[in-house]
Amino acid sequence: MDEGVQPQNSYRVLLDADGDLVWVTEIDGREVRYHKEPETSFGQRFMSGFIMMLPVEHQL
């Protein structure tokens, strides 16, 4: 568990000044910020957005 939560092995999710999500990690000792969900393809993000539009909350 300790290794998995190290900055170089994980992401922190923050809100930027505009209220948008930012994923923050550490690569070679430097902070790197992503403005799209890291390690996902366009297709995965598209499907996630499409599913969010479906009225499925009552089924959870």
PDB file of N, CA and C in Angstrom:
ATOM      1  N   MET A   1       0.830  -1.191   0.000  1.00  0.00           N
ATOM      2  CA  MET A   1       0.000   0.000   0.000  1.00  0.00           C
ATOM      3  C   MET A   1       0.871   1.251   0.000  1.00  0.00           C
ATOM      4  N   ASP A   2       1.923   1.253   0.810  1.00  0.00           N
ATOM      5  CA  ASP A   2       2.773   2.445   0.882  1.00  0.00           C
ATOM      6  C   ASP A   2       3.356   2.801  -0.482  1.00  0.00           C
ATOM      7  N   GLU A   3       3.758   1.800  -1.251  1.00  0.00           N
ATOM      8  CA  GLU A   3       4.348   2.054  -2.569  1.00  0.00           C
ATOM      9  C   GLU A   3       3.303   2.603  -3.541  1.00  0.00           C
ATOM     10  N   GLY A   4       2.088   2.097  -3.468  1.00  0.00           N
ATOM     11  CA  GLY A   4       1.036   2.515  -4.391  1.00  0.00           C
ATOM     12  C   GLY A   4       0.588   3.949  -4.233  1.00  0.00           C
ATOM     13  N   VAL A   5       0.763   4.524  -3.059  1.00  0.00           N
ATOM     14  CA  VAL A   5       0.308   5.897  -2.834  1.00  0.00           C
ATOM     15  C   VAL A   5       1.440   6.925  -2.947  1.00  0.00           C
ATOM     16  N   GLN A   6       2.619   6.492  -3.345  1.00  0.00           N
ATOM     17  CA  GLN A   6       3.724   7.424  -3.559  1.00  0.00           C
ATOM     18  C   GLN A   6       3.381   8.340  -4.733  1.00  0.00           C
ATOM     19  N   PRO A   7       3.821   9.588  -4.726  1.00  0.00           N
ATOM     20  CA  PRO A   7       3.467  10.540  -5.790  1.00  0.00           C
ATOM     21  C   PRO A   7       3.806  10.048  -7.201  1.00  0.00           C
ATOM     22  N   GLN A   8       4.870   9.289  -7.373  1.00  0.00           N
ATOM     23  CA  GLN A   8       5.242   8.812  -8.702  1.00  0.00           C
ATOM     24  C   GLN A   8       4.385   7.629  -9.155  1.00  0.00           C
ATOM     25  N   ASN A   9       3.564   7.062  -8.262  1.00  0.00           N
ATOM     26  CA  ASN A   9       2.728   5.910  -8.592  1.00  0.00           C
ATOM     27  C   ASN A   9       1.231   6.202  -8.514  1.00  0.00           C
ATOM     28  N   SER A  10       0.855   7.445  -8.300  1.00  0.00           N
ATOM     29  CA  SER A  10      -0.560   7.762  -8.111  1.00  0.00           C
ATOM     30  C   SER A  10      -0.854   9.172  -8.630  1.00  0.00           C
ATOM     31  N   TYR A  11      -2.118   9.533  -8.595  1.00  0.00           N
ATOM     32  CA  TYR A  11      -2.568  10.860  -9.009  1.00  0.00           C
ATOM     33  C   TYR A  11      -3.347  11.498  -7.866  1.00  0.00           C
ATOM     34  N   ARG A  12      -3.187  12.798  -7.725  1.00  0.00           N
ATOM     35  CA  ARG A  12      -4.060  13.590  -6.859  1.00  0.00           C
ATOM     36  C   ARG A  12      -5.031  14.298  -7.789  1.00  0.00           C
ATOM     37  N   VAL A  13      -6.292  14.332  -7.449  1.00  0.00           N
ATOM     38  CA  VAL A  13      -7.281  15.019  -8.273  1.00  0.00           C
ATOM     39  C   VAL A  13      -7.670  16.297  -7.551  1.00  0.00           C
ATOM     40  N   LEU A  14      -7.479  17.419  -8.250  1.00  0.00           N
ATOM     41  CA  LEU A  14      -7.730  18.737  -7.675  1.00  0.00           C
ATOM     42  C   LEU A  14      -8.667  19.521  -8.579  1.00  0.00           C
ATOM     43  N   LEU A  15      -9.173  20.626  -8.076  1.00  0.00           N
ATOM     44  CA  LEU A  15      -9.930  21.571  -8.884  1.00  0.00           C
ATOM     45  C   LEU A  15      -9.044  22.772  -9.179  1.00  0.00           C
ATOM     46  N   ASP A  16      -9.025  23.200 -10.448  1.00  0.00           N
ATOM     47  CA  ASP A  16      -8.255  24.394 -10.777  1.00  0.00           C
ATOM     48  C   ASP A  16      -9.100  25.638 -10.496  1.00  0.00           C
ATOM     49  N   ALA A  17      -8.583  26.800 -10.844  1.00  0.00           N
ATOM     50  CA  ALA A  17      -9.265  28.063 -10.544  1.00  0.00           C
ATOM     51  C   ALA A  17     -10.624  28.171 -11.229  1.00  0.00           C
ATOM     52  N   ASP A  18     -10.799  27.451 -12.368  1.00  0.00           N
ATOM     53  CA  ASP A  18     -12.067  27.482 -13.098  1.00  0.00           C
ATOM     54  C   ASP A  18     -13.040  26.409 -12.626  1.00  0.00           C
ATOM     55  N   GLY A  19     -12.629  25.592 -11.654  1.00  0.00           N
ATOM     56  CA  GLY A  19     -13.495  24.523 -11.159  1.00  0.00           C
ATOM     57  C   GLY A  19     -13.398  23.240 -11.960  1.00  0.00           C
ATOM     58  N   ASP A  20     -12.399  23.140 -12.847  1.00  0.00           N
ATOM     59  CA  ASP A  20     -12.203  21.936 -13.650  1.00  0.00           C
ATOM     60  C   ASP A  20     -11.260  20.973 -12.930  1.00  0.00           C
ATOM     61  N   LEU A  21     -11.425  19.679 -13.184  1.00  0.00           N
ATOM     62  CA  LEU A  21     -10.567  18.674 -12.574  1.00  0.00           C
ATOM     63  C   LEU A  21      -9.174  18.693 -13.176  1.00  0.00           C
ATOM     64  N   VAL A  22      -8.166  18.484 -12.329  1.00  0.00           N
ATOM     65  CA  VAL A  22      -6.767  18.384 -12.750  1.00  0.00           C
ATOM     66  C   VAL A  22      -6.162  17.187 -12.027  1.00  0.00           C
ATOM     67  N   TRP A  23      -5.500  16.315 -12.785  1.00  0.00           N
ATOM     68  CA  TRP A  23      -4.816  15.158 -12.196  1.00  0.00           C
ATOM     69  C   TRP A  23      -3.354  15.517 -12.066  1.00  0.00           C
ATOM     70  N   VAL A  24      -2.792  15.350 -10.858  1.00  0.00           N
ATOM     71  CA  VAL A  24      -1.423  15.750 -10.576  1.00  0.00           C
ATOM     72  C   VAL A  24      -0.628  14.509 -10.162  1.00  0.00           C
ATOM     73  N   THR A  25       0.540  14.329 -10.765  1.00  0.00           N
ATOM     74  CA  THR A  25       1.436  13.242 -10.400  1.00  0.00           C
ATOM     75  C   THR A  25       2.864  13.765 -10.411  1.00  0.00           C
ATOM     76  N   GLU A  26       3.795  12.889 -10.142  1.00  0.00           N
ATOM     77  CA  GLU A  26       5.212  13.253 -10.121  1.00  0.00           C
ATOM     78  C   GLU A  26       5.964  12.323 -11.059  1.00  0.00           C
ATOM     79  N   ILE A  27       6.715  12.911 -11.990  1.00  0.00           N
ATOM     80  CA  ILE A  27       7.541  12.143 -12.924  1.00  0.00           C
ATOM     81  C   ILE A  27       8.955  12.673 -12.835  1.00  0.00           C
ATOM     82  N   ASP A  28       9.890  11.785 -12.502  1.00  0.00           N
ATOM     83  CA  ASP A  28      11.306  12.160 -12.336  1.00  0.00           C
ATOM     84  C   ASP A  28      11.480  13.341 -11.387  1.00  0.00           C
ATOM     85  N   GLY A  29      10.699  13.349 -10.315  1.00  0.00           N
ATOM     86  CA  GLY A  29      10.825  14.388  -9.302  1.00  0.00           C
ATOM     87  C   GLY A  29      10.139  15.698  -9.639  1.00  0.00           C
ATOM     88  N   ARG A  30       9.487  15.771 -10.806  1.00  0.00           N
ATOM     89  CA  ARG A  30       8.793  16.999 -11.213  1.00  0.00           C
ATOM     90  C   ARG A  30       7.286  16.787 -11.191  1.00  0.00           C
ATOM     91  N   GLU A  31       6.553  17.795 -10.751  1.00  0.00           N
ATOM     92  CA  GLU A  31       5.094  17.731 -10.746  1.00  0.00           C
ATOM     93  C   GLU A  31       4.575  17.877 -12.167  1.00  0.00           C
ATOM     94  N   VAL A  32       3.670  16.973 -12.558  1.00  0.00           N
ATOM     95  CA  VAL A  32       3.064  17.005 -13.889  1.00  0.00           C
ATOM     96  C   VAL A  32       1.557  17.070 -13.697  1.00  0.00           C
ATOM     97  N   ARG A  33       0.909  17.969 -14.456  1.00  0.00           N
ATOM     98  CA  ARG A  33      -0.547  18.147 -14.359  1.00  0.00           C
ATOM     99  C   ARG A  33      -1.192  17.746 -15.678  1.00  0.00           C
ATOM    100  N   TYR A  34      -2.306  17.011 -15.568  1.00  0.00           N
ATOM    101  CA  TYR A  34      -3.092  16.600 -16.731  1.00  0.00           C
ATOM    102  C   TYR A  34      -4.469  17.237 -16.616  1.00  0.00           C
ATOM    103  N   HIS A  35      -4.973  17.758 -17.733  1.00  0.00           N
ATOM    104  CA  HIS A  35      -6.290  18.385 -17.730  1.00  0.00           C
ATOM    105  C   HIS A  35      -7.354  17.454 -18.312  1.00  0.00           C
ATOM    106  N   LYS A  36      -6.928  16.286 -18.788  1.00  0.00           N
ATOM    107  CA  LYS A  36      -7.825  15.207 -19.193  1.00  0.00           C
ATOM    108  C   LYS A  36      -7.421  13.995 -18.380  1.00  0.00           C
ATOM    109  N   GLU A  37      -8.365  13.096 -18.132  1.00  0.00           N
ATOM    110  CA  GLU A  37      -8.067  11.931 -17.313  1.00  0.00           C
ATOM    111  C   GLU A  37      -6.904  11.150 -17.929  1.00  0.00           C
ATOM    112  N   PRO A  38      -5.802  10.987 -17.175  1.00  0.00           N
ATOM    113  CA  PRO A  38      -4.622  10.331 -17.729  1.00  0.00           C
ATOM    114  C   PRO A  38      -4.860   8.846 -17.977  1.00  0.00           C
ATOM    115  N   GLU A  39      -4.093   8.316 -18.920  1.00  0.00           N
ATOM    116  CA  GLU A  39      -4.103   6.890 -19.263  1.00  0.00           C
ATOM    117  C   GLU A  39      -5.463   6.417 -19.752  1.00  0.00           C
ATOM    118  N   THR A  40      -6.208   7.315 -20.409  1.00  0.00           N
ATOM    119  CA  THR A  40      -7.467   6.936 -21.043  1.00  0.00           C
ATOM    120  C   THR A  40      -7.450   7.415 -22.481  1.00  0.00           C
ATOM    121  N   SER A  41      -8.167   6.706 -23.328  1.00  0.00           N
ATOM    122  CA  SER A  41      -8.257   7.094 -24.737  1.00  0.00           C
ATOM    123  C   SER A  41      -9.475   7.993 -24.937  1.00  0.00           C
ATOM    124  N   PHE A  42      -9.543   8.585 -26.115  1.00  0.00           N
ATOM    125  CA  PHE A  42     -10.710   9.414 -26.446  1.00  0.00           C
ATOM    126  C   PHE A  42     -11.985   8.578 -26.363  1.00  0.00           C
ATOM    127  N   GLY A  43     -11.933   7.350 -26.862  1.00  0.00           N
ATOM    128  CA  GLY A  43     -13.100   6.477 -26.846  1.00  0.00           C
ATOM    129  C   GLY A  43     -13.589   6.192 -25.431  1.00  0.00           C
ATOM    130  N   GLN A  44     -12.669   5.959 -24.506  1.00  0.00           N
ATOM    131  CA  GLN A  44     -13.050   5.702 -23.115  1.00  0.00           C
ATOM    132  C   GLN A  44     -13.699   6.934 -22.494  1.00  0.00           C
ATOM    133  N   ARG A  45     -13.136   8.108 -22.750  1.00  0.00           N
ATOM    134  CA  ARG A  45     -13.721   9.339 -22.208  1.00  0.00           C
ATOM    135  C   ARG A  45     -15.082   9.619 -22.842  1.00  0.00           C
ATOM    136  N   PHE A  46     -15.213   9.335 -24.149  1.00  0.00           N
ATOM    137  CA  PHE A  46     -16.487   9.527 -24.842  1.00  0.00           C
ATOM    138  C   PHE A  46     -17.561   8.628 -24.243  1.00  0.00           C
ATOM    139  N   MET A  47     -17.254   7.346 -24.060  1.00  0.00           N
ATOM    140  CA  MET A  47     -18.234   6.415 -23.500  1.00  0.00           C
ATOM    141  C   MET A  47     -18.622   6.808 -22.079  1.00  0.00           C
ATOM    142  N   SER A  48     -17.657   7.252 -21.296  1.00  0.00           N
ATOM    143  CA  SER A  48     -17.946   7.687 -19.932  1.00  0.00           C
ATOM    144  C   SER A  48     -18.905   8.874 -19.944  1.00  0.00           C
ATOM    145  N   GLY A  49     -18.664   9.832 -20.816  1.00  0.00           N
ATOM    146  CA  GLY A  49     -19.543  10.995 -20.930  1.00  0.00           C
ATOM    147  C   GLY A  49     -20.927  10.614 -21.414  1.00  0.00           C
ATOM    148  N   PHE A  50     -20.993   9.670 -22.358  1.00  0.00           N
ATOM    149  CA  PHE A  50     -22.280   9.210 -22.872  1.00  0.00           C
ATOM    150  C   PHE A  50     -23.085   8.514 -21.777  1.00  0.00           C
ATOM    151  N   ILE A  51     -22.437   7.646 -21.014  1.00  0.00           N
ATOM    152  CA  ILE A  51     -23.118   6.910 -19.945  1.00  0.00           C
ATOM    153  C   ILE A  51     -23.611   7.869 -18.865  1.00  0.00           C
ATOM    154  N   MET A  52     -22.868   8.938 -18.618  1.00  0.00           N
ATOM    155  CA  MET A  52     -23.293   9.918 -17.602  1.00  0.00           C
ATOM    156  C   MET A  52     -24.614  10.583 -17.983  1.00  0.00           C
ATOM    157  N   MET A  53     -24.940  10.640 -19.285  1.00  0.00           N
ATOM    158  CA  MET A  53     -26.178  11.269 -19.732  1.00  0.00           C
ATOM    159  C   MET A  53     -27.388  10.358 -19.555  1.00  0.00           C
ATOM    160  N   LEU A  54     -27.171   9.054 -19.374  1.00  0.00           N
ATOM    161  CA  LEU A  54     -28.290   8.116 -19.242  1.00  0.00           C
ATOM    162  C   LEU A  54     -28.909   8.211 -17.850  1.00  0.00           C
ATOM    163  N   PRO A  55     -30.222   8.057 -17.747  1.00  0.00           N
ATOM    164  CA  PRO A  55     -30.905   8.159 -16.457  1.00  0.00           C
ATOM    165  C   PRO A  55     -30.833   6.832 -15.678  1.00  0.00           C
ATOM    166  N   VAL A  56     -29.662   6.533 -15.121  1.00  0.00           N
ATOM    167  CA  VAL A  56     -29.477   5.244 -14.445  1.00  0.00           C
ATOM    168  C   VAL A  56     -29.293   5.370 -12.922  1.00  0.00           C
ATOM    169  N   GLU A  57     -29.338   6.575 -12.386  1.00  0.00           N
ATOM    170  CA  GLU A  57     -29.086   6.750 -10.951  1.00  0.00           C
ATOM    171  C   GLU A  57     -30.066   5.961 -10.082  1.00  0.00           C
ATOM    172  N   HIS A  58     -31.303   5.851 -10.501  1.00  0.00           N
ATOM    173  CA  HIS A  58     -32.290   5.127  -9.709  1.00  0.00           C
ATOM    174  C   HIS A  58     -32.005   3.622  -9.671  1.00  0.00           C
ATOM    175  N   GLN A  59     -31.123   3.146 -10.546  1.00  0.00           N
ATOM    176  CA  GLN A  59     -30.783   1.732 -10.585  1.00  0.00           C
ATOM    177  C   GLN A  59     -29.554   1.398  -9.729  1.00  0.00           C
ATOM    178  N   LEU A  60     -28.930   2.401  -9.161  1.00  0.00           N
ATOM    179  CA  LEU A  60     -27.742   2.166  -8.349  1.00  0.00           C
ATOM    180  C   LEU A  60     -28.098   1.642  -6.982  1.00  0.00           C
TER     181      LEU A  60
END
